[in-house]
């Protein structure tokens, strides 16, 4: 199943009560995070930019993984 390629799970929901923000509230700034099912990498990007986290992401959908690679750090 190609979830990310269909456009689902591609953007961070910045609403204060969103599950995305609930997850962020549980993660310490600068934490090392292992993200399973990163889709297009949108959450990885937010974890890095807002919290300064080091993120290792795993995605089984090759199309989504290719999109997520753009959020890699050198």
N, C-alpha and C. Protein backbone atom coordinates (compact mmCIF):
# COMPACT_ATOMS: atom_id res chain seq x y z
N UNK A 1 0.85 -1.18 0.00
CA UNK A 1 0.00 0.00 0.00
C UNK A 1 0.89 1.23 0.00
N UNK A 2 0.60 2.17 -0.87
CA UNK A 2 1.37 3.40 -0.98
C UNK A 2 0.57 4.54 -0.39
N UNK A 3 0.75 4.78 0.89
CA UNK A 3 -0.03 5.80 1.58
C UNK A 3 0.45 7.19 1.23
N UNK A 4 1.74 7.44 1.37
CA UNK A 4 2.26 8.79 1.18
C UNK A 4 2.07 9.29 -0.24
N UNK A 5 2.18 8.39 -1.21
CA UNK A 5 2.06 8.80 -2.60
C UNK A 5 0.64 9.28 -2.92
N UNK A 6 -0.34 8.90 -2.13
CA UNK A 6 -1.71 9.32 -2.36
C UNK A 6 -2.00 10.69 -1.76
N UNK A 7 -1.06 11.26 -1.03
CA UNK A 7 -1.24 12.56 -0.43
C UNK A 7 -1.66 12.52 1.03
N UNK A 8 -1.88 11.34 1.57
CA UNK A 8 -2.27 11.22 2.97
C UNK A 8 -1.00 11.23 3.82
N UNK A 9 -1.07 11.83 4.99
CA UNK A 9 0.08 11.89 5.91
C UNK A 9 1.27 12.60 5.28
N UNK A 10 1.03 13.80 4.79
CA UNK A 10 2.13 14.54 4.16
C UNK A 10 2.42 15.88 4.81
N UNK A 11 1.58 16.32 5.75
CA UNK A 11 1.77 17.63 6.36
C UNK A 11 1.58 17.57 7.87
N UNK A 12 2.33 18.42 8.54
CA UNK A 12 2.21 18.55 9.99
C UNK A 12 0.96 19.36 10.31
N UNK A 13 0.16 18.86 11.24
CA UNK A 13 -1.04 19.57 11.69
C UNK A 13 -0.65 20.43 12.89
N UNK A 14 -0.59 21.74 12.70
CA UNK A 14 -0.09 22.65 13.73
C UNK A 14 -1.17 23.10 14.72
N UNK A 15 -2.37 22.56 14.63
CA UNK A 15 -3.42 22.93 15.58
C UNK A 15 -2.96 22.54 16.99
N UNK A 16 -3.19 23.39 17.98
CA UNK A 16 -2.71 23.10 19.33
C UNK A 16 -3.15 21.74 19.87
N UNK A 17 -4.34 21.29 19.52
CA UNK A 17 -4.86 20.02 20.05
C UNK A 17 -4.57 18.82 19.14
N UNK A 18 -3.80 19.03 18.09
CA UNK A 18 -3.52 17.93 17.15
C UNK A 18 -2.67 16.84 17.79
N UNK A 19 -2.79 15.64 17.26
CA UNK A 19 -1.95 14.54 17.76
C UNK A 19 -0.48 14.82 17.47
N UNK A 20 -0.19 15.53 16.41
CA UNK A 20 1.20 15.88 16.12
C UNK A 20 1.80 16.71 17.25
N UNK A 21 1.07 17.73 17.69
CA UNK A 21 1.57 18.55 18.80
C UNK A 21 1.58 17.80 20.11
N UNK A 22 0.66 16.86 20.28
CA UNK A 22 0.68 16.03 21.50
C UNK A 22 1.96 15.20 21.54
N UNK A 23 2.34 14.64 20.40
CA UNK A 23 3.58 13.86 20.33
C UNK A 23 4.78 14.76 20.62
N UNK A 24 4.82 15.93 20.00
CA UNK A 24 5.94 16.85 20.23
C UNK A 24 6.08 17.20 21.71
N UNK A 25 4.98 17.32 22.41
CA UNK A 25 5.04 17.70 23.83
C UNK A 25 5.68 16.61 24.69
N UNK A 26 5.77 15.40 24.17
CA UNK A 26 6.34 14.29 24.91
C UNK A 26 7.83 14.07 24.64
N UNK A 27 8.38 14.84 23.72
CA UNK A 27 9.77 14.63 23.30
C UNK A 27 10.64 15.78 23.80
N UNK A 28 11.72 15.43 24.45
CA UNK A 28 12.63 16.43 24.99
C UNK A 28 13.44 17.08 23.87
N UNK A 29 13.68 18.37 23.95
CA UNK A 29 14.55 19.03 22.97
C UNK A 29 15.91 18.33 22.92
N UNK A 30 16.40 18.17 21.70
CA UNK A 30 17.70 17.54 21.50
C UNK A 30 17.72 16.03 21.62
N UNK A 31 16.55 15.42 21.74
CA UNK A 31 16.47 13.96 21.90
C UNK A 31 16.87 13.23 20.62
N UNK A 32 17.28 12.00 20.80
CA UNK A 32 17.50 11.10 19.65
C UNK A 32 16.20 10.34 19.45
N UNK A 33 15.63 10.43 18.24
CA UNK A 33 14.31 9.87 17.95
C UNK A 33 14.41 8.84 16.84
N UNK A 34 13.75 7.70 17.05
CA UNK A 34 13.60 6.70 16.00
C UNK A 34 12.15 6.76 15.56
N UNK A 35 11.93 7.16 14.32
CA UNK A 35 10.57 7.33 13.80
C UNK A 35 10.24 6.20 12.84
N UNK A 36 9.28 5.38 13.22
CA UNK A 36 8.81 4.30 12.36
C UNK A 36 7.65 4.79 11.52
N UNK A 37 7.69 4.53 10.22
CA UNK A 37 6.61 4.96 9.33
C UNK A 37 6.61 6.46 9.15
N UNK A 38 7.74 6.99 8.70
CA UNK A 38 7.90 8.45 8.61
C UNK A 38 7.15 9.07 7.43
N UNK A 39 6.54 8.25 6.58
CA UNK A 39 5.83 8.75 5.39
C UNK A 39 6.76 9.65 4.59
N UNK A 40 6.39 10.91 4.37
CA UNK A 40 7.21 11.80 3.57
C UNK A 40 8.27 12.55 4.37
N UNK A 41 8.35 12.27 5.66
CA UNK A 41 9.37 12.90 6.51
C UNK A 41 8.95 14.21 7.13
N UNK A 42 7.68 14.56 7.01
CA UNK A 42 7.23 15.85 7.54
C UNK A 42 7.43 15.96 9.05
N UNK A 43 7.18 14.89 9.79
CA UNK A 43 7.35 14.94 11.25
C UNK A 43 8.83 15.00 11.61
N UNK A 44 9.66 14.27 10.87
CA UNK A 44 11.11 14.32 11.09
C UNK A 44 11.61 15.75 10.94
N UNK A 45 11.12 16.44 9.93
CA UNK A 45 11.54 17.82 9.69
C UNK A 45 11.16 18.71 10.86
N UNK A 46 9.95 18.53 11.40
CA UNK A 46 9.50 19.34 12.54
C UNK A 46 10.31 19.01 13.79
N UNK A 47 10.58 17.73 14.00
CA UNK A 47 11.39 17.32 15.16
C UNK A 47 12.76 17.98 15.12
N UNK A 48 13.34 18.04 13.94
CA UNK A 48 14.66 18.67 13.80
C UNK A 48 14.59 20.18 13.97
N UNK A 49 13.66 20.81 13.26
CA UNK A 49 13.63 22.28 13.26
C UNK A 49 13.13 22.87 14.57
N UNK A 50 12.12 22.28 15.18
CA UNK A 50 11.55 22.86 16.40
C UNK A 50 12.24 22.40 17.68
N UNK A 51 12.66 21.14 17.69
CA UNK A 51 13.22 20.59 18.92
C UNK A 51 14.71 20.28 18.83
N UNK A 52 15.29 20.42 17.66
CA UNK A 52 16.71 20.13 17.50
C UNK A 52 17.04 18.67 17.71
N UNK A 53 16.10 17.80 17.39
CA UNK A 53 16.29 16.36 17.59
C UNK A 53 17.15 15.76 16.49
N UNK A 54 17.78 14.67 16.82
CA UNK A 54 18.47 13.83 15.85
C UNK A 54 17.50 12.71 15.53
N UNK A 55 17.10 12.58 14.26
CA UNK A 55 16.05 11.64 13.88
C UNK A 55 16.58 10.59 12.91
N UNK A 56 16.31 9.34 13.25
CA UNK A 56 16.51 8.22 12.33
C UNK A 56 15.12 7.74 11.96
N UNK A 57 14.84 7.69 10.66
CA UNK A 57 13.48 7.36 10.22
C UNK A 57 13.48 6.09 9.37
N UNK A 58 12.40 5.32 9.52
CA UNK A 58 12.22 4.08 8.75
C UNK A 58 10.89 4.18 8.01
N UNK A 59 10.92 3.92 6.71
CA UNK A 59 9.72 3.92 5.89
C UNK A 59 9.81 2.79 4.88
N UNK A 60 8.78 1.93 4.83
CA UNK A 60 8.80 0.78 3.92
C UNK A 60 8.30 1.11 2.53
N UNK A 61 7.55 2.16 2.37
CA UNK A 61 7.04 2.56 1.06
C UNK A 61 8.16 3.29 0.31
N UNK A 62 8.67 2.73 -0.77
CA UNK A 62 9.81 3.35 -1.46
C UNK A 62 9.51 4.75 -1.99
N UNK A 63 8.29 4.99 -2.42
CA UNK A 63 7.93 6.31 -2.92
C UNK A 63 7.97 7.34 -1.79
N UNK A 64 7.39 6.99 -0.66
CA UNK A 64 7.41 7.88 0.49
C UNK A 64 8.83 8.07 1.01
N UNK A 65 9.60 6.99 1.06
CA UNK A 65 10.98 7.07 1.55
C UNK A 65 11.81 8.03 0.69
N UNK A 66 11.58 7.99 -0.61
CA UNK A 66 12.30 8.90 -1.50
C UNK A 66 11.96 10.35 -1.18
N UNK A 67 10.71 10.62 -0.86
CA UNK A 67 10.30 11.98 -0.48
C UNK A 67 10.88 12.36 0.88
N UNK A 68 10.94 11.42 1.79
CA UNK A 68 11.47 11.69 3.13
C UNK A 68 12.95 12.01 3.12
N UNK A 69 13.66 11.48 2.16
CA UNK A 69 15.11 11.71 2.09
C UNK A 69 15.47 13.18 2.01
N UNK A 70 14.57 13.99 1.51
CA UNK A 70 14.88 15.43 1.38
C UNK A 70 15.06 16.09 2.75
N UNK A 71 14.60 15.42 3.82
CA UNK A 71 14.71 15.97 5.16
C UNK A 71 15.94 15.47 5.89
N UNK A 72 16.77 14.68 5.22
CA UNK A 72 17.99 14.17 5.86
C UNK A 72 18.94 15.31 6.17
N UNK A 73 19.74 15.10 7.18
CA UNK A 73 20.83 16.02 7.47
C UNK A 73 22.12 15.34 7.02
N UNK A 74 23.08 16.14 6.72
CA UNK A 74 24.35 15.59 6.21
C UNK A 74 25.10 14.87 7.28
